[in-house]
């Protein structure tokens, strides 16, 4: 059965046979989503950063990185569908792949767009009911774990993703959306993407909290003191970057994680 689908970049792709039987995922969070949708035999290729689930990481063919795909490995797999993301994959590589295979692209900047992506991927892969159920559960968990507050004042916060140089999440990122839902106010919400933040600018910003992400730079306990010296009045904490930046089925666990994080920081 031939079917046409529109992705989140408003591109239309054609699947000559639907549902697809040979899928390659170029994005870790979407790989985890495909596993949640039960596509265990259909997914044949993933990236070296697709660490969840571990059984897939160990057993599926790895076709390179999110920004360094191996075209020969992809050719050998002969996919009938490739799923990527505007931010995480390189435009030039995606354009080359799209000339050879059906490539469906996501573009996720907030929770609503993440839920839209999940629903569309469900339709794309022949799992619409499972995808809708997943979306409903995610929405319910956010509503229960993180209800809107009329008295809670979001503390000023900087979310750091990189160390040399310091880089933070700006306002037009999925991380910023998650920060807001978790009850934090992003100090650098007026900046785009992931700006470099010199130590002097970080000090002048004087945030109440500094959150050091576990990815893409793997911040550890040994890095806390450096930020405490720059911002002595800030509370500096390590956080699970997957909870703030993975926009697939990891969203099932994010609300509970954010709730516990607020409790540990004595914010709730």
Protein backbone atom coordinates (compact mmCIF):
# COMPACT_ATOMS: atom_id res chain seq x y z
CA UNK A 1 0.00 0.00 0.00
CA UNK A 2 1.41 3.39 -1.04
CA UNK A 3 0.82 6.23 1.40
CA UNK A 4 1.89 9.87 1.69
CA UNK A 5 2.91 11.57 4.94
CA UNK A 6 3.79 15.14 5.90
CA UNK A 7 6.58 15.71 8.39
CA UNK A 8 7.08 18.56 10.87
CA UNK A 9 9.05 20.55 8.29
CA UNK A 10 5.95 20.40 6.07
CA UNK A 11 7.72 18.07 3.64
CA UNK A 12 5.70 15.28 2.01
CA UNK A 13 7.23 11.82 1.69
CA UNK A 14 5.88 8.76 -0.09
CA UNK A 15 6.12 5.25 1.32
CA UNK A 16 5.76 2.72 -1.49
CA UNK A 17 4.93 0.00 1.01
CA UNK A 18 3.14 0.79 4.24
CA UNK A 19 3.61 0.18 7.06
CA UNK A 20 7.41 0.35 6.67
CA UNK A 21 9.45 -2.77 7.45
CA UNK A 22 13.02 -1.43 7.36
CA UNK A 23 13.40 1.73 9.48
CA UNK A 24 16.54 3.67 10.37
CA UNK A 25 16.43 6.18 13.23
CA UNK A 26 18.93 9.03 13.30
CA UNK A 27 17.88 10.45 16.70
CA UNK A 28 18.31 8.82 20.15
CA UNK A 29 15.05 10.05 21.68
CA UNK A 30 13.08 8.97 18.62
CA UNK A 31 14.81 5.58 18.63
CA UNK A 32 13.54 5.08 22.17
CA UNK A 33 10.07 6.10 20.97
CA UNK A 34 10.13 3.50 18.20
CA UNK A 35 10.96 0.87 20.81
CA UNK A 36 8.04 2.04 22.95
CA UNK A 37 5.79 1.63 19.90
CA UNK A 38 6.85 -2.00 19.60
CA UNK A 39 8.82 -1.71 16.35
CA UNK A 40 11.41 -4.26 17.44
CA UNK A 41 11.96 -6.00 14.11
CA UNK A 42 11.13 -3.02 11.88
CA UNK A 43 13.97 -0.82 13.20
CA UNK A 44 17.16 -2.07 11.56
CA UNK A 45 19.57 0.85 12.06
CA UNK A 46 20.35 3.39 14.78
CA UNK A 47 23.13 5.83 15.65
CA UNK A 48 26.01 5.27 18.05
CA UNK A 49 24.26 7.68 20.46
CA UNK A 50 21.01 5.68 20.57
CA UNK A 51 21.83 4.13 23.94
CA UNK A 52 18.22 3.35 24.94
CA UNK A 53 17.13 0.62 25.00
CA UNK A 54 20.41 -1.16 25.70
CA UNK A 55 19.30 -4.29 23.83
CA UNK A 56 18.95 -2.24 20.65
CA UNK A 57 22.23 -0.41 21.30
CA UNK A 58 23.98 -3.77 21.52
CA UNK A 59 22.06 -5.55 18.76
CA UNK A 60 21.08 -3.07 16.03
CA UNK A 61 23.38 -1.91 13.24
CA UNK A 62 24.93 1.47 14.08
CA UNK A 63 25.10 3.76 11.07
CA UNK A 64 27.41 6.42 12.55
CA UNK A 65 26.56 9.50 14.59
CA UNK A 66 23.66 11.89 14.45
CA UNK A 67 25.79 14.35 12.47
CA UNK A 68 28.15 11.86 10.79
CA UNK A 69 26.03 9.19 9.14
CA UNK A 70 27.73 6.39 7.25
CA UNK A 71 26.14 6.33 3.81
CA UNK A 72 27.60 2.94 2.89
CA UNK A 73 26.10 1.29 5.96
CA UNK A 74 22.74 2.89 5.22
CA UNK A 75 22.93 1.70 1.61
CA UNK A 76 23.64 -1.85 2.77
CA UNK A 77 20.55 -1.78 5.01
CA UNK A 78 18.26 -0.61 2.18
CA UNK A 79 15.78 1.25 4.44
CA UNK A 80 12.24 2.00 3.35
CA UNK A 81 12.05 4.83 5.92
CA UNK A 82 14.57 7.07 7.70
CA UNK A 83 13.47 9.22 10.64
CA UNK A 84 15.53 12.28 11.58
CA UNK A 85 15.34 15.68 13.30
CA UNK A 86 16.02 19.22 12.09
CA UNK A 87 18.28 20.18 15.01
CA UNK A 88 20.12 16.94 15.64
CA UNK A 89 20.98 15.97 12.07
CA UNK A 90 23.04 17.82 9.45
CA UNK A 91 20.98 19.45 6.70
CA UNK A 92 23.38 18.50 3.90
CA UNK A 93 23.41 14.85 4.91
CA UNK A 94 19.64 14.75 5.23
CA UNK A 95 19.24 16.26 1.76
CA UNK A 96 21.52 13.61 0.29
CA UNK A 97 19.63 10.83 2.06
CA UNK A 98 16.28 12.29 0.98
CA UNK A 99 17.37 11.94 -2.63
CA UNK A 100 17.71 8.20 -2.11
CA UNK A 101 15.18 7.18 0.56
CA UNK A 102 11.97 8.43 2.19
CA UNK A 103 13.21 10.69 5.04
CA UNK A 104 10.70 11.94 7.62
CA UNK A 105 11.90 14.88 9.75
CA UNK A 106 10.76 16.14 13.14
CA UNK A 107 11.10 19.69 14.48
CA UNK A 108 10.42 19.78 18.22
CA UNK A 109 10.69 22.90 20.37
CA UNK A 110 8.10 22.31 23.10
CA UNK A 111 5.83 19.70 24.65
CA UNK A 112 2.95 20.24 22.20
CA UNK A 113 5.29 19.73 19.25
CA UNK A 114 6.73 16.62 20.92
CA UNK A 115 3.24 15.16 21.32
CA UNK A 116 2.48 16.05 17.70
CA UNK A 117 5.67 14.25 16.64
CA UNK A 118 4.73 11.14 18.62
CA UNK A 119 1.29 11.06 17.04
CA UNK A 120 2.66 11.50 13.53
CA UNK A 121 5.31 8.82 14.02
CA UNK A 122 2.56 6.49 15.21
CA UNK A 123 0.62 7.13 11.99
CA UNK A 124 3.80 6.83 9.92
CA UNK A 125 4.74 3.43 11.33
CA UNK A 126 1.29 1.90 11.63
CA UNK A 127 0.99 2.33 15.38
CA UNK A 128 -1.58 5.15 15.74
CA UNK A 129 -3.45 3.72 18.74
CA UNK A 130 -0.27 3.05 20.70
CA UNK A 131 1.02 6.54 19.92
CA UNK A 132 -2.24 8.20 21.00
CA UNK A 133 -2.28 6.21 24.23
CA UNK A 134 1.31 7.27 24.89
CA UNK A 135 0.42 10.94 24.29
CA UNK A 136 -2.55 10.73 26.65
CA UNK A 137 -0.41 9.20 29.40
CA UNK A 138 2.28 11.86 29.02
CA UNK A 139 -0.29 14.66 29.22
CA UNK A 140 -1.87 13.12 32.30
CA UNK A 141 1.46 12.72 34.08
CA UNK A 142 2.44 16.33 33.44
CA UNK A 143 -0.93 17.51 34.73
CA UNK A 144 -0.71 15.37 37.88
CA UNK A 145 2.99 15.81 38.74
CA UNK A 146 3.37 19.45 37.71
CA UNK A 147 0.03 21.24 38.18
CA UNK A 148 0.01 25.00 37.48
CA UNK A 149 0.74 27.12 40.54
CA UNK A 150 -0.60 30.57 41.29
CA UNK A 151 1.83 31.19 44.15
CA UNK A 152 5.04 29.53 43.01
CA UNK A 153 7.69 31.95 41.73
CA UNK A 154 10.01 30.27 39.24
CA UNK A 155 13.61 30.80 40.36
CA UNK A 156 16.09 32.33 37.91
CA UNK A 157 18.08 29.48 36.42
CA UNK A 158 20.89 28.78 33.97
CA UNK A 159 21.00 25.39 32.26
CA UNK A 160 24.56 24.56 31.16
CA UNK A 161 25.16 21.98 28.42
CA UNK A 162 28.90 22.46 27.68
CA UNK A 163 32.05 23.28 29.60
CA UNK A 164 34.82 24.61 27.31
CA UNK A 165 33.43 27.09 26.48
CA UNK A 166 30.43 27.38 28.78
CA UNK A 167 27.26 27.01 26.71
CA UNK A 168 23.70 27.34 27.96
CA UNK A 169 20.22 26.56 26.68
CA UNK A 170 18.54 29.57 25.08
CA UNK A 171 14.88 30.42 24.80
CA UNK A 172 14.06 28.73 21.49
CA UNK A 173 15.00 25.22 22.61
CA UNK A 174 13.10 22.18 23.84
CA UNK A 175 15.17 22.38 27.02
CA UNK A 176 13.79 25.86 27.70
CA UNK A 177 10.26 24.50 27.37
CA UNK A 178 11.04 21.73 29.85
CA UNK A 179 12.65 24.19 32.26
CA UNK A 180 9.45 26.23 32.26
CA UNK A 181 7.28 23.15 32.84
CA UNK A 182 9.59 22.05 35.64
CA UNK A 183 9.15 25.43 37.34
CA UNK A 184 12.33 27.31 36.44
CA UNK A 185 12.83 30.66 34.71
CA UNK A 186 15.60 30.55 32.12
CA UNK A 187 17.95 33.51 32.64
CA UNK A 188 19.05 33.30 29.01
CA UNK A 189 15.60 32.87 27.47
CA UNK A 190 16.28 35.98 25.36
CA UNK A 191 19.17 34.23 23.61
CA UNK A 192 18.90 31.89 20.65
CA UNK A 193 19.79 28.20 20.60
CA UNK A 194 22.86 27.39 22.72
CA UNK A 195 24.87 30.57 23.27
CA UNK A 196 28.39 30.71 24.64
CA UNK A 197 28.32 32.29 28.10
CA UNK A 198 31.64 33.76 29.34
CA UNK A 199 32.25 33.41 33.09
CA UNK A 200 31.85 37.16 33.58
CA UNK A 201 28.43 37.17 31.95
CA UNK A 202 27.37 34.18 34.03
CA UNK A 203 28.48 35.96 37.19
CA UNK A 204 26.64 39.14 36.22
CA UNK A 205 23.45 37.18 35.51
CA UNK A 206 23.48 36.06 39.17
CA UNK A 207 21.10 33.11 38.78
CA UNK A 208 19.53 31.47 41.82
CA UNK A 209 20.17 28.04 40.33
CA UNK A 210 22.70 26.58 37.91
CA UNK A 211 21.78 23.20 36.45
CA UNK A 212 24.63 21.20 34.93
CA UNK A 213 23.39 18.70 32.38
CA UNK A 214 24.64 15.13 32.05
CA UNK A 215 24.72 15.58 28.26
CA UNK A 216 26.08 16.44 25.79
CA UNK A 217 28.93 17.32 28.16
CA UNK A 218 29.00 14.81 31.05
CA UNK A 219 29.16 17.15 34.03
CA UNK A 220 30.17 15.47 37.32
CA UNK A 221 30.56 16.40 40.98
CA UNK A 222 34.10 17.63 40.33
CA UNK A 223 32.71 20.47 38.17
CA UNK A 224 30.38 21.96 40.77
CA UNK A 225 33.02 24.01 42.58
CA UNK A 226 34.04 25.93 39.46
CA UNK A 227 30.50 27.27 39.05
CA UNK A 228 30.17 27.99 42.77
CA UNK A 229 33.24 30.19 42.53
CA UNK A 230 31.75 32.11 39.60
CA UNK A 231 28.28 32.43 41.19
CA UNK A 232 28.76 32.00 44.96
CA UNK A 233 25.10 32.71 45.73
CA UNK A 234 23.75 30.19 43.23
CA UNK A 235 22.75 26.65 44.08
CA UNK A 236 24.59 24.41 41.63
CA UNK A 237 23.17 20.98 40.83
CA UNK A 238 23.71 18.10 38.45
CA UNK A 239 20.64 17.09 36.45
CA UNK A 240 19.69 14.29 34.07
CA UNK A 241 19.98 15.81 30.62
CA UNK A 242 17.81 13.14 29.02
CA UNK A 243 14.85 14.30 31.09
CA UNK A 244 15.22 17.86 29.82
CA UNK A 245 16.14 17.21 26.18
CA UNK A 246 14.70 13.86 25.03
CA UNK A 247 11.33 14.47 23.40
CA UNK A 248 10.12 10.92 22.71
CA UNK A 249 8.80 8.34 25.15
CA UNK A 250 11.28 9.61 27.77
CA UNK A 251 8.56 12.20 28.42
CA UNK A 252 6.74 9.48 30.35
CA UNK A 253 9.35 9.83 33.09
CA UNK A 254 10.12 13.55 32.91
CA UNK A 255 7.18 14.84 35.03
CA UNK A 256 8.02 12.59 37.96
CA UNK A 257 11.69 13.51 37.68
CA UNK A 258 10.92 17.23 37.64
CA UNK A 259 8.63 16.84 40.66
CA UNK A 260 11.35 15.07 42.65
CA UNK A 261 13.94 17.62 41.53
CA UNK A 262 11.81 20.48 42.83
CA UNK A 263 11.37 18.66 46.13
CA UNK A 264 15.11 18.05 46.46
CA UNK A 265 15.75 21.76 45.80
CA UNK A 266 13.02 22.65 48.32
CA UNK A 267 10.95 24.34 45.67
CA UNK A 268 7.83 22.21 46.16
